[in-house]
Amino acid sequence: LGAILQFRMLENLPTFFTSNFDFKQLEHHLTYTQRGEAEEMKAARIMERIKYLAKPIPIGGKNRRHK
């Protein structure tokens, strides 16, 4: 993920993200590996790139997944 984000930053390419997490929640999610090990520095570096590329736009409304 880091390499992809870095490339898109350097090339000034548009990048779109969707997430159910805000930035703080996403950083916490990215901090832990599948084995439960903390990689805080790695998560911080990825979040720096995401914050550079993205502008958070909250979208509200009812949950349309359940009919």
N, C-alpha and C. Protein backbone atom coordinates (compact mmCIF):
# COMPACT_ATOMS: atom_id res chain seq x y z
N LEU A 1 0.83 -1.20 0.00
CA LEU A 1 0.00 0.00 0.00
C LEU A 1 0.87 1.25 0.00
N GLY A 2 1.91 1.24 0.81
CA GLY A 2 2.80 2.41 0.89
C GLY A 2 3.42 2.76 -0.44
N ALA A 3 3.86 1.76 -1.19
CA ALA A 3 4.49 2.00 -2.50
C ALA A 3 3.49 2.58 -3.50
N ILE A 4 2.28 2.10 -3.46
CA ILE A 4 1.24 2.61 -4.37
C ILE A 4 0.93 4.07 -4.05
N LEU A 5 0.75 4.37 -2.77
CA LEU A 5 0.45 5.74 -2.37
C LEU A 5 1.61 6.68 -2.71
N GLN A 6 2.84 6.22 -2.47
CA GLN A 6 4.02 7.04 -2.78
C GLN A 6 4.07 7.36 -4.27
N PHE A 7 3.85 6.37 -5.12
CA PHE A 7 3.87 6.58 -6.57
C PHE A 7 2.81 7.59 -6.98
N ARG A 8 1.61 7.45 -6.45
CA ARG A 8 0.51 8.35 -6.82
C ARG A 8 0.81 9.77 -6.36
N MET A 9 1.47 9.91 -5.21
CA MET A 9 1.86 11.24 -4.72
C MET A 9 2.88 11.87 -5.67
N LEU A 10 3.91 11.11 -6.00
CA LEU A 10 4.98 11.64 -6.84
C LEU A 10 4.51 12.00 -8.24
N GLU A 11 3.54 11.26 -8.75
CA GLU A 11 3.02 11.50 -10.10
C GLU A 11 1.81 12.44 -10.12
N ASN A 12 1.42 12.94 -8.95
CA ASN A 12 0.25 13.82 -8.82
C ASN A 12 -0.99 13.21 -9.47
N LEU A 13 -1.21 11.93 -9.22
CA LEU A 13 -2.35 11.23 -9.79
C LEU A 13 -3.55 11.32 -8.85
N PRO A 14 -4.74 11.42 -9.41
CA PRO A 14 -5.92 11.42 -8.55
C PRO A 14 -6.06 10.07 -7.86
N THR A 15 -6.48 10.11 -6.62
CA THR A 15 -6.62 8.89 -5.83
C THR A 15 -7.91 8.98 -5.04
N PHE A 16 -8.73 7.96 -5.13
CA PHE A 16 -10.01 7.96 -4.42
C PHE A 16 -10.01 6.84 -3.39
N PHE A 17 -10.51 7.15 -2.22
CA PHE A 17 -10.62 6.18 -1.13
C PHE A 17 -12.06 6.16 -0.64
N THR A 18 -12.49 5.03 -0.16
CA THR A 18 -13.72 4.98 0.62
C THR A 18 -13.40 4.18 1.88
N SER A 19 -14.00 4.59 2.98
CA SER A 19 -13.73 3.90 4.24
C SER A 19 -14.86 4.16 5.22
N ASN A 20 -15.09 3.21 6.08
CA ASN A 20 -16.02 3.42 7.19
C ASN A 20 -15.31 4.04 8.38
N PHE A 21 -13.99 4.26 8.28
CA PHE A 21 -13.19 4.82 9.36
C PHE A 21 -12.85 6.28 9.09
N ASP A 22 -12.76 7.08 10.16
CA ASP A 22 -12.16 8.40 10.02
C ASP A 22 -10.64 8.21 10.08
N PHE A 23 -9.86 9.30 9.94
CA PHE A 23 -8.41 9.17 9.90
C PHE A 23 -7.85 8.51 11.17
N LYS A 24 -8.35 8.91 12.32
CA LYS A 24 -7.84 8.36 13.58
C LYS A 24 -8.13 6.85 13.67
N GLN A 25 -9.34 6.46 13.33
CA GLN A 25 -9.70 5.04 13.36
C GLN A 25 -8.90 4.24 12.33
N LEU A 26 -8.69 4.83 11.16
CA LEU A 26 -7.93 4.14 10.12
C LEU A 26 -6.49 3.92 10.55
N GLU A 27 -5.88 4.93 11.17
CA GLU A 27 -4.51 4.77 11.64
C GLU A 27 -4.43 3.65 12.68
N HIS A 28 -5.39 3.60 13.58
CA HIS A 28 -5.41 2.53 14.58
C HIS A 28 -5.54 1.17 13.89
N HIS A 29 -6.41 1.08 12.90
CA HIS A 29 -6.61 -0.18 12.16
C HIS A 29 -5.32 -0.60 11.45
N LEU A 30 -4.62 0.35 10.84
CA LEU A 30 -3.40 0.04 10.10
C LEU A 30 -2.22 -0.28 11.02
N THR A 31 -2.32 0.09 12.27
CA THR A 31 -1.22 -0.12 13.22
C THR A 31 -0.97 -1.60 13.50
N TYR A 32 -2.01 -2.40 13.50
CA TYR A 32 -1.88 -3.80 13.92
C TYR A 32 -1.87 -4.76 12.75
N THR A 33 -0.93 -5.70 12.78
CA THR A 33 -0.83 -6.73 11.75
C THR A 33 -1.88 -7.80 12.01
N GLN A 34 -1.99 -8.74 11.10
CA GLN A 34 -2.93 -9.85 11.28
C GLN A 34 -2.57 -10.70 12.50
N ARG A 35 -1.30 -10.68 12.89
CA ARG A 35 -0.86 -11.43 14.07
C ARG A 35 -1.02 -10.62 15.36
N GLY A 36 -1.52 -9.38 15.25
CA GLY A 36 -1.73 -8.55 16.42
C GLY A 36 -0.53 -7.74 16.86
N GLU A 37 0.53 -7.73 16.05
CA GLU A 37 1.73 -6.97 16.38
C GLU A 37 1.52 -5.51 15.98
N ALA A 38 2.01 -4.59 16.82
CA ALA A 38 1.87 -3.17 16.55
C ALA A 38 3.00 -2.68 15.66
N GLU A 39 2.65 -1.96 14.60
CA GLU A 39 3.63 -1.32 13.71
C GLU A 39 3.23 0.14 13.58
N GLU A 40 3.45 0.90 14.65
CA GLU A 40 3.00 2.29 14.71
C GLU A 40 3.68 3.17 13.68
N MET A 41 4.98 3.00 13.48
CA MET A 41 5.71 3.85 12.52
C MET A 41 5.20 3.60 11.10
N LYS A 42 5.00 2.34 10.76
CA LYS A 42 4.50 1.99 9.42
C LYS A 42 3.12 2.60 9.20
N ALA A 43 2.25 2.49 10.19
CA ALA A 43 0.90 3.06 10.08
C ALA A 43 0.97 4.58 9.93
N ALA A 44 1.86 5.21 10.68
CA ALA A 44 2.00 6.67 10.61
C ALA A 44 2.46 7.11 9.22
N ARG A 45 3.40 6.37 8.63
CA ARG A 45 3.89 6.72 7.29
C ARG A 45 2.79 6.57 6.24
N ILE A 46 2.01 5.50 6.34
CA ILE A 46 0.90 5.32 5.39
C ILE A 46 -0.13 6.42 5.57
N MET A 47 -0.43 6.77 6.82
CA MET A 47 -1.42 7.82 7.07
C MET A 47 -0.95 9.17 6.56
N GLU A 48 0.36 9.46 6.64
CA GLU A 48 0.88 10.71 6.08
C GLU A 48 0.54 10.80 4.60
N ARG A 49 0.73 9.71 3.89
CA ARG A 49 0.44 9.69 2.46
C ARG A 49 -1.05 9.79 2.18
N ILE A 50 -1.85 9.09 2.95
CA ILE A 50 -3.30 9.16 2.77
C ILE A 50 -3.79 10.58 3.02
N LYS A 51 -3.31 11.21 4.08
CA LYS A 51 -3.74 12.58 4.39
C LYS A 51 -3.31 13.56 3.31
N TYR A 52 -2.15 13.31 2.69
CA TYR A 52 -1.70 14.17 1.60
C TYR A 52 -2.62 14.02 0.38
N LEU A 53 -3.06 12.80 0.13
CA LEU A 53 -3.84 12.50 -1.07
C LEU A 53 -5.34 12.69 -0.91
N ALA A 54 -5.83 12.68 0.32
CA ALA A 54 -7.28 12.60 0.54
C ALA A 54 -7.82 13.79 1.32
N LYS A 55 -9.06 14.09 1.06
CA LYS A 55 -9.81 15.08 1.82
C LYS A 55 -11.04 14.36 2.37
N PRO A 56 -11.16 14.29 3.70
CA PRO A 56 -12.31 13.56 4.25
C PRO A 56 -13.63 14.27 3.95
N ILE A 57 -14.59 13.53 3.48
CA ILE A 57 -15.93 14.05 3.22
C ILE A 57 -16.92 13.08 3.86
N PRO A 58 -17.41 13.43 5.05
CA PRO A 58 -18.37 12.53 5.71
C PRO A 58 -19.68 12.47 4.92
N ILE A 59 -20.20 11.29 4.80
CA ILE A 59 -21.46 11.08 4.10
C ILE A 59 -22.42 10.43 5.08
N GLY A 60 -23.49 11.12 5.37
CA GLY A 60 -24.47 10.62 6.33
C GLY A 60 -25.65 9.99 5.64
N GLY A 61 -26.63 9.68 6.42
CA GLY A 61 -27.84 9.09 5.88
C GLY A 61 -28.08 7.71 6.43
N LYS A 62 -29.19 7.15 6.02
CA LYS A 62 -29.53 5.83 6.54
C LYS A 62 -28.71 4.75 5.85
N ASN A 63 -28.56 3.64 6.52
CA ASN A 63 -27.85 2.49 5.99
C ASN A 63 -28.71 1.84 4.91
N ARG A 64 -28.23 1.84 3.69
CA ARG A 64 -28.99 1.28 2.57
C ARG A 64 -28.62 -0.17 2.28
N ARG A 65 -27.74 -0.75 3.09
CA ARG A 65 -27.37 -2.15 2.90
C ARG A 65 -28.49 -3.08 3.33
N HIS A 66 -29.26 -2.66 4.31
CA HIS A 66 -30.34 -3.49 4.83
C HIS A 66 -31.66 -2.97 4.30
N LYS A 67 -32.38 -3.81 3.59
CA LYS A 67 -33.66 -3.37 3.01
C LYS A 67 -34.81 -3.90 3.81
